[in-house]
């Protein structure tokens, strides 16, 4: 940066700058210059950080929705597994096998 002093959230270690927080005060154009026996090079990096509160809120909202969906699905599956619901499906008799009979059919007038 072209300002003489760096913000307190920037640590300088030899030729490395460490940004210790995501603070909009760090916004700006940073310049890096390097040179050795073979030549010199200069490059720039533009840093733009916005306030973290908007992204943080959206993240928490998404987390809450996913958590609610997961809990709802787990509760649905739990109750579905542990609740006895009568089945009204018709059983279709196969034409290949005879019907089972436990006792013979008696005429309605027979009292024996």
N, C-alpha and C. Protein backbone atom coordinates (compact mmCIF):
# COMPACT_ATOMS: atom_id res chain seq x y z
N UNK A 1 0.85 -1.18 0.00
CA UNK A 1 0.00 0.00 0.00
C UNK A 1 0.89 1.23 0.00
N UNK A 2 0.34 2.28 -0.47
CA UNK A 2 1.14 3.49 -0.56
C UNK A 2 1.13 4.30 0.73
N UNK A 3 0.28 3.91 1.68
CA UNK A 3 0.29 4.60 2.96
C UNK A 3 1.54 4.19 3.73
N UNK A 4 2.08 5.09 4.51
CA UNK A 4 3.33 4.76 5.22
C UNK A 4 3.17 3.69 6.29
N UNK A 5 1.99 3.59 6.91
CA UNK A 5 1.83 2.60 7.97
C UNK A 5 0.76 1.59 7.57
N UNK A 6 0.95 0.37 8.02
CA UNK A 6 -0.02 -0.70 7.76
C UNK A 6 -1.03 -0.75 8.90
N UNK A 7 -2.25 -1.20 8.63
CA UNK A 7 -3.23 -1.36 9.71
C UNK A 7 -2.74 -2.36 10.75
N UNK A 8 -3.32 -2.31 11.93
CA UNK A 8 -2.89 -3.20 13.02
C UNK A 8 -3.22 -4.66 12.74
N UNK A 9 -4.11 -4.93 11.79
CA UNK A 9 -4.49 -6.31 11.48
C UNK A 9 -3.58 -6.93 10.42
N UNK A 10 -2.48 -6.24 10.09
CA UNK A 10 -1.51 -6.76 9.12
C UNK A 10 -0.19 -6.98 9.83
N UNK A 11 0.33 -8.19 9.73
CA UNK A 11 1.65 -8.50 10.29
C UNK A 11 2.64 -8.63 9.15
N UNK A 12 3.82 -8.02 9.33
CA UNK A 12 4.86 -8.09 8.31
C UNK A 12 5.96 -9.02 8.81
N UNK A 13 6.22 -10.09 8.06
CA UNK A 13 7.28 -11.05 8.37
C UNK A 13 8.23 -11.08 7.18
N UNK A 14 9.40 -10.47 7.33
CA UNK A 14 10.38 -10.37 6.24
C UNK A 14 9.70 -9.79 5.00
N UNK A 15 9.52 -10.57 3.95
CA UNK A 15 8.91 -10.06 2.72
C UNK A 15 7.46 -10.52 2.57
N UNK A 16 6.83 -10.94 3.66
CA UNK A 16 5.47 -11.46 3.60
C UNK A 16 4.54 -10.61 4.46
N UNK A 17 3.38 -10.29 3.91
CA UNK A 17 2.34 -9.61 4.68
C UNK A 17 1.26 -10.62 5.04
N UNK A 18 0.91 -10.67 6.31
CA UNK A 18 -0.13 -11.59 6.77
C UNK A 18 -1.34 -10.76 7.20
N UNK A 19 -2.48 -11.00 6.54
CA UNK A 19 -3.72 -10.32 6.89
C UNK A 19 -4.42 -11.18 7.94
N UNK A 20 -4.47 -10.70 9.18
CA UNK A 20 -4.98 -11.52 10.28
C UNK A 20 -6.49 -11.44 10.45
N UNK A 21 -7.15 -10.56 9.75
CA UNK A 21 -8.61 -10.48 9.83
C UNK A 21 -9.15 -10.03 8.48
N UNK A 22 -10.45 -10.21 8.31
CA UNK A 22 -11.13 -9.77 7.09
C UNK A 22 -11.80 -8.44 7.40
N UNK A 23 -11.05 -7.38 7.32
CA UNK A 23 -11.53 -6.06 7.70
C UNK A 23 -11.52 -5.15 6.47
N UNK A 24 -12.60 -4.42 6.22
CA UNK A 24 -12.61 -3.51 5.06
C UNK A 24 -11.52 -2.44 5.11
N UNK A 25 -10.91 -2.21 6.28
CA UNK A 25 -9.80 -1.25 6.36
C UNK A 25 -8.59 -1.71 5.55
N UNK A 26 -8.55 -2.99 5.20
CA UNK A 26 -7.43 -3.53 4.43
C UNK A 26 -7.60 -3.30 2.93
N UNK A 27 -8.74 -2.76 2.51
CA UNK A 27 -8.99 -2.53 1.09
C UNK A 27 -7.93 -1.59 0.52
N UNK A 28 -7.53 -1.90 -0.70
CA UNK A 28 -6.58 -1.01 -1.37
C UNK A 28 -5.71 -1.77 -2.34
N UNK A 29 -4.80 -1.03 -2.96
CA UNK A 29 -3.88 -1.59 -3.94
C UNK A 29 -2.55 -1.87 -3.25
N UNK A 30 -2.11 -3.10 -3.30
CA UNK A 30 -0.84 -3.50 -2.71
C UNK A 30 0.17 -3.73 -3.84
N UNK A 31 1.40 -3.31 -3.59
CA UNK A 31 2.46 -3.44 -4.59
C UNK A 31 3.56 -4.33 -4.04
N UNK A 32 4.05 -5.24 -4.88
CA UNK A 32 5.15 -6.12 -4.49
C UNK A 32 6.28 -5.91 -5.49
N UNK A 33 7.47 -5.67 -4.97
CA UNK A 33 8.65 -5.52 -5.82
C UNK A 33 9.68 -6.56 -5.42
N UNK A 34 10.23 -7.23 -6.41
CA UNK A 34 11.26 -8.24 -6.15
C UNK A 34 12.40 -8.04 -7.14
N UNK A 35 13.61 -8.27 -6.66
CA UNK A 35 14.77 -8.15 -7.55
C UNK A 35 15.84 -9.14 -7.12
N UNK A 36 16.63 -9.56 -8.10
CA UNK A 36 17.77 -10.43 -7.84
C UNK A 36 18.81 -10.16 -8.93
N UNK A 37 19.81 -11.03 -9.03
CA UNK A 37 20.89 -10.82 -10.00
C UNK A 37 20.39 -10.88 -11.44
N UNK A 38 19.26 -11.50 -11.68
CA UNK A 38 18.75 -11.67 -13.04
C UNK A 38 17.78 -10.58 -13.48
N UNK A 39 17.34 -9.76 -12.56
CA UNK A 39 16.42 -8.69 -12.93
C UNK A 39 15.51 -8.29 -11.79
N UNK A 40 14.51 -7.50 -12.14
CA UNK A 40 13.55 -7.00 -11.15
C UNK A 40 12.15 -7.13 -11.71
N UNK A 41 11.21 -7.29 -10.82
CA UNK A 41 9.81 -7.44 -11.22
C UNK A 41 8.94 -6.69 -10.21
N UNK A 42 7.87 -6.11 -10.73
CA UNK A 42 6.92 -5.40 -9.88
C UNK A 42 5.52 -5.90 -10.25
N UNK A 43 4.71 -6.16 -9.25
CA UNK A 43 3.33 -6.59 -9.49
C UNK A 43 2.41 -5.93 -8.46
N UNK A 44 1.12 -5.95 -8.76
CA UNK A 44 0.13 -5.30 -7.91
C UNK A 44 -0.98 -6.28 -7.57
N UNK A 45 -1.58 -6.06 -6.41
CA UNK A 45 -2.73 -6.85 -5.98
C UNK A 45 -3.75 -5.89 -5.38
N UNK A 46 -4.96 -5.92 -5.92
CA UNK A 46 -6.02 -5.10 -5.37
C UNK A 46 -6.85 -5.96 -4.42
N UNK A 47 -7.00 -5.51 -3.20
CA UNK A 47 -7.76 -6.23 -2.17
C UNK A 47 -9.04 -5.45 -1.90
N UNK A 48 -10.18 -6.16 -2.00
CA UNK A 48 -11.47 -5.56 -1.65
C UNK A 48 -12.22 -6.53 -0.75
N UNK A 49 -12.40 -6.14 0.49
CA UNK A 49 -13.12 -6.96 1.47
C UNK A 49 -14.37 -6.19 1.88
N UNK A 50 -15.51 -6.87 1.82
CA UNK A 50 -16.75 -6.23 2.26
C UNK A 50 -17.06 -6.69 3.67
N UNK A 51 -18.04 -6.06 4.26
CA UNK A 51 -18.44 -6.39 5.62
C UNK A 51 -18.86 -7.85 5.70
N UNK A 52 -18.46 -8.56 6.73
CA UNK A 52 -18.74 -9.99 6.87
C UNK A 52 -20.15 -10.26 7.38
N UNK A 53 -20.87 -9.26 7.84
CA UNK A 53 -22.17 -9.53 8.46
C UNK A 53 -23.20 -10.05 7.46
N UNK A 54 -23.24 -9.56 6.24
CA UNK A 54 -24.22 -10.03 5.27
C UNK A 54 -24.00 -11.48 4.90
N UNK A 55 -22.77 -11.86 4.60
CA UNK A 55 -22.47 -13.24 4.26
C UNK A 55 -22.66 -14.17 5.43
N UNK A 56 -22.36 -13.68 6.60
CA UNK A 56 -22.52 -14.50 7.80
C UNK A 56 -24.00 -14.81 8.05
N UNK A 57 -24.85 -13.82 7.88
CA UNK A 57 -26.28 -14.04 8.08
C UNK A 57 -26.83 -15.03 7.06
N UNK A 58 -26.42 -14.88 5.82
CA UNK A 58 -26.90 -15.81 4.78
C UNK A 58 -26.43 -17.23 5.08
N UNK A 59 -25.22 -17.37 5.55
CA UNK A 59 -24.70 -18.69 5.90
C UNK A 59 -25.48 -19.33 7.04
N UNK A 60 -25.79 -18.54 8.06
CA UNK A 60 -26.54 -19.08 9.20
C UNK A 60 -27.97 -19.43 8.80
N UNK A 61 -28.57 -18.63 7.92
CA UNK A 61 -29.92 -18.94 7.45
C UNK A 61 -29.92 -20.25 6.67
N UNK A 62 -28.95 -20.42 5.78
CA UNK A 62 -28.85 -21.66 5.01
C UNK A 62 -28.60 -22.85 5.93
N UNK A 63 -27.73 -22.68 6.92
CA UNK A 63 -27.46 -23.75 7.88
C UNK A 63 -28.73 -24.12 8.63
N UNK A 64 -29.50 -23.13 9.07
CA UNK A 64 -30.74 -23.39 9.80
C UNK A 64 -31.76 -24.14 8.95
N UNK A 65 -31.89 -23.74 7.68
CA UNK A 65 -32.83 -24.43 6.79
C UNK A 65 -32.42 -25.88 6.56
N UNK A 66 -31.14 -26.11 6.32
CA UNK A 66 -30.67 -27.48 6.12
C UNK A 66 -30.84 -28.33 7.38
N UNK A 67 -30.59 -27.74 8.54
CA UNK A 67 -30.76 -28.46 9.79
C UNK A 67 -32.24 -28.81 10.01
N UNK A 68 -33.13 -27.87 9.76
CA UNK A 68 -34.57 -28.14 9.92
C UNK A 68 -35.03 -29.22 8.95
N UNK A 69 -34.55 -29.19 7.72
CA UNK A 69 -34.91 -30.20 6.73
C UNK A 69 -34.41 -31.58 7.15
N UNK A 70 -33.19 -31.64 7.66
CA UNK A 70 -32.62 -32.91 8.10
C UNK A 70 -33.40 -33.48 9.28
N UNK A 71 -33.73 -32.64 10.25
CA UNK A 71 -34.48 -33.10 11.43
C UNK A 71 -35.88 -33.56 11.01
N UNK A 72 -36.52 -32.82 10.10
CA UNK A 72 -37.85 -33.21 9.63
C UNK A 72 -37.82 -34.56 8.92
N UNK A 73 -36.82 -34.76 8.07
CA UNK A 73 -36.71 -36.03 7.35
C UNK A 73 -36.45 -37.18 8.32
N UNK A 74 -35.59 -36.96 9.32
CA UNK A 74 -35.31 -38.01 10.29
C UNK A 74 -36.55 -38.34 11.11
N UNK A 75 -37.32 -37.33 11.52
CA UNK A 75 -38.55 -37.57 12.28
C UNK A 75 -39.57 -38.32 11.43
N UNK A 76 -39.71 -37.95 10.17
CA UNK A 76 -40.64 -38.63 9.27
C UNK A 76 -40.26 -40.10 9.13
N UNK A 77 -39.00 -40.38 8.90
CA UNK A 77 -38.56 -41.77 8.74
C UNK A 77 -38.73 -42.56 10.04
N UNK A 78 -38.46 -41.93 11.18
CA UNK A 78 -38.61 -42.61 12.47
C UNK A 78 -40.07 -42.99 12.71
N UNK A 79 -40.99 -42.04 12.53
CA UNK A 79 -42.40 -42.33 12.76
C UNK A 79 -42.96 -43.30 11.73
N UNK A 80 -42.47 -43.23 10.53
CA UNK A 80 -42.93 -44.16 9.50
C UNK A 80 -42.51 -45.58 9.84
N UNK A 81 -41.32 -45.73 10.39
CA UNK A 81 -40.82 -47.07 10.72
C UNK A 81 -41.49 -47.64 11.97
N UNK A 82 -41.77 -46.79 12.95
CA UNK A 82 -42.27 -47.27 14.24
C UNK A 82 -43.78 -47.12 14.43
N UNK A 83 -44.50 -46.68 13.44
CA UNK A 83 -45.95 -46.54 13.54
C UNK A 83 -46.60 -47.59 12.66
N UNK A 84 -47.55 -48.32 13.25
CA UNK A 84 -48.26 -49.36 12.50
C UNK A 84 -49.41 -48.71 11.73
N UNK A 85 -49.31 -48.73 10.44
CA UNK A 85 -50.36 -48.19 9.58
C UNK A 85 -50.96 -49.36 8.81
N UNK A 86 -52.28 -49.55 8.91
CA UNK A 86 -52.88 -50.68 8.19
C UNK A 86 -52.70 -50.53 6.68
N UNK A 87 -52.47 -51.64 6.07
CA UNK A 87 -52.29 -51.64 4.63
C UNK A 87 -53.59 -52.08 3.98
N UNK A 88 -54.02 -51.35 2.99
CA UNK A 88 -55.26 -51.66 2.30
C UNK A 88 -55.01 -52.18 0.89
N UNK A 89 -53.86 -52.75 0.69
CA UNK A 89 -53.55 -53.31 -0.62
C UNK A 89 -54.30 -54.61 -0.82
N UNK A 90 -54.82 -54.81 -2.01
CA UNK A 90 -55.51 -56.06 -2.34
C UNK A 90 -54.50 -57.14 -2.61
N UNK A 91 -54.80 -58.29 -2.11
CA UNK A 91 -53.99 -59.45 -2.45
C UNK A 91 -54.65 -60.13 -3.62
N UNK A 92 -53.93 -60.27 -4.66
CA UNK A 92 -54.48 -60.92 -5.83
C UNK A 92 -54.18 -62.40 -5.76
N UNK A 93 -55.23 -63.21 -5.89
CA UNK A 93 -55.05 -64.67 -5.85
C UNK A 93 -54.46 -65.13 -7.16
N UNK A 94 -53.56 -66.03 -7.04
CA UNK A 94 -52.96 -66.61 -8.24
C UNK A 94 -53.89 -67.67 -8.78
N UNK A 95 -54.04 -67.73 -10.06
CA UNK A 95 -54.90 -68.74 -10.68
C UNK A 95 -54.23 -70.10 -10.73
N UNK A 96 -52.93 -70.15 -10.47
CA UNK A 96 -52.20 -71.41 -10.54
C UNK A 96 -52.32 -72.23 -9.26
N UNK A 97 -52.51 -71.58 -8.12
CA UNK A 97 -52.54 -72.30 -6.85
C UNK A 97 -53.96 -72.27 -6.29
N UNK A 98 -54.42 -73.37 -5.71
CA UNK A 98 -55.77 -73.39 -5.14
C UNK A 98 -55.82 -72.60 -3.84
N UNK A 99 -57.01 -72.11 -3.49
CA UNK A 99 -57.19 -71.39 -2.24
C UNK A 99 -57.15 -72.37 -1.08
N UNK A 100 -56.58 -71.96 0.05
CA UNK A 100 -56.53 -72.83 1.22
C UNK A 100 -57.85 -72.74 1.96
N UNK A 101 -58.29 -73.88 2.49
CA UNK A 101 -59.52 -73.90 3.28
C UNK A 101 -59.23 -74.66 4.56
N UNK A 102 -59.55 -74.04 5.69
CA UNK A 102 -59.30 -74.68 6.97
C UNK A 102 -60.36 -75.72 7.32
N UNK A 103 -61.59 -75.50 6.91
CA UNK A 103 -62.65 -76.46 7.19
C UNK A 103 -63.58 -76.53 5.99
N UNK A 104 -64.23 -77.61 5.84
CA UNK A 104 -65.11 -77.75 4.68
C UNK A 104 -66.30 -76.81 4.77
N UNK A 105 -66.79 -76.44 3.64
CA UNK A 105 -67.95 -75.55 3.59
C UNK A 105 -69.20 -76.39 3.81
N UNK A 106 -70.04 -75.96 4.75
CA UNK A 106 -71.28 -76.67 5.06
C UNK A 106 -72.46 -75.90 4.52
N UNK A 107 -73.46 -76.61 4.13
CA UNK A 107 -74.68 -75.90 3.71
C UNK A 107 -75.28 -75.19 4.91
N UNK A 108 -75.96 -74.11 4.68
CA UNK A 108 -76.49 -73.29 5.76
C UNK A 108 -77.56 -73.99 6.58
N UNK A 109 -78.26 -74.96 6.06
CA UNK A 109 -79.31 -75.67 6.79
C UNK A 109 -78.78 -76.83 7.60
N UNK A 110 -77.54 -77.21 7.49
CA UNK A 110 -76.96 -78.38 8.17
C UNK A 110 -76.60 -77.99 9.59
N UNK A 111 -77.11 -78.69 10.61
CA UNK A 111 -76.84 -78.35 12.01
C UNK A 111 -75.82 -79.28 12.65
N UNK A 112 -75.27 -80.20 11.94
CA UNK A 112 -74.34 -81.15 12.55
C UNK A 112 -72.98 -80.63 12.61
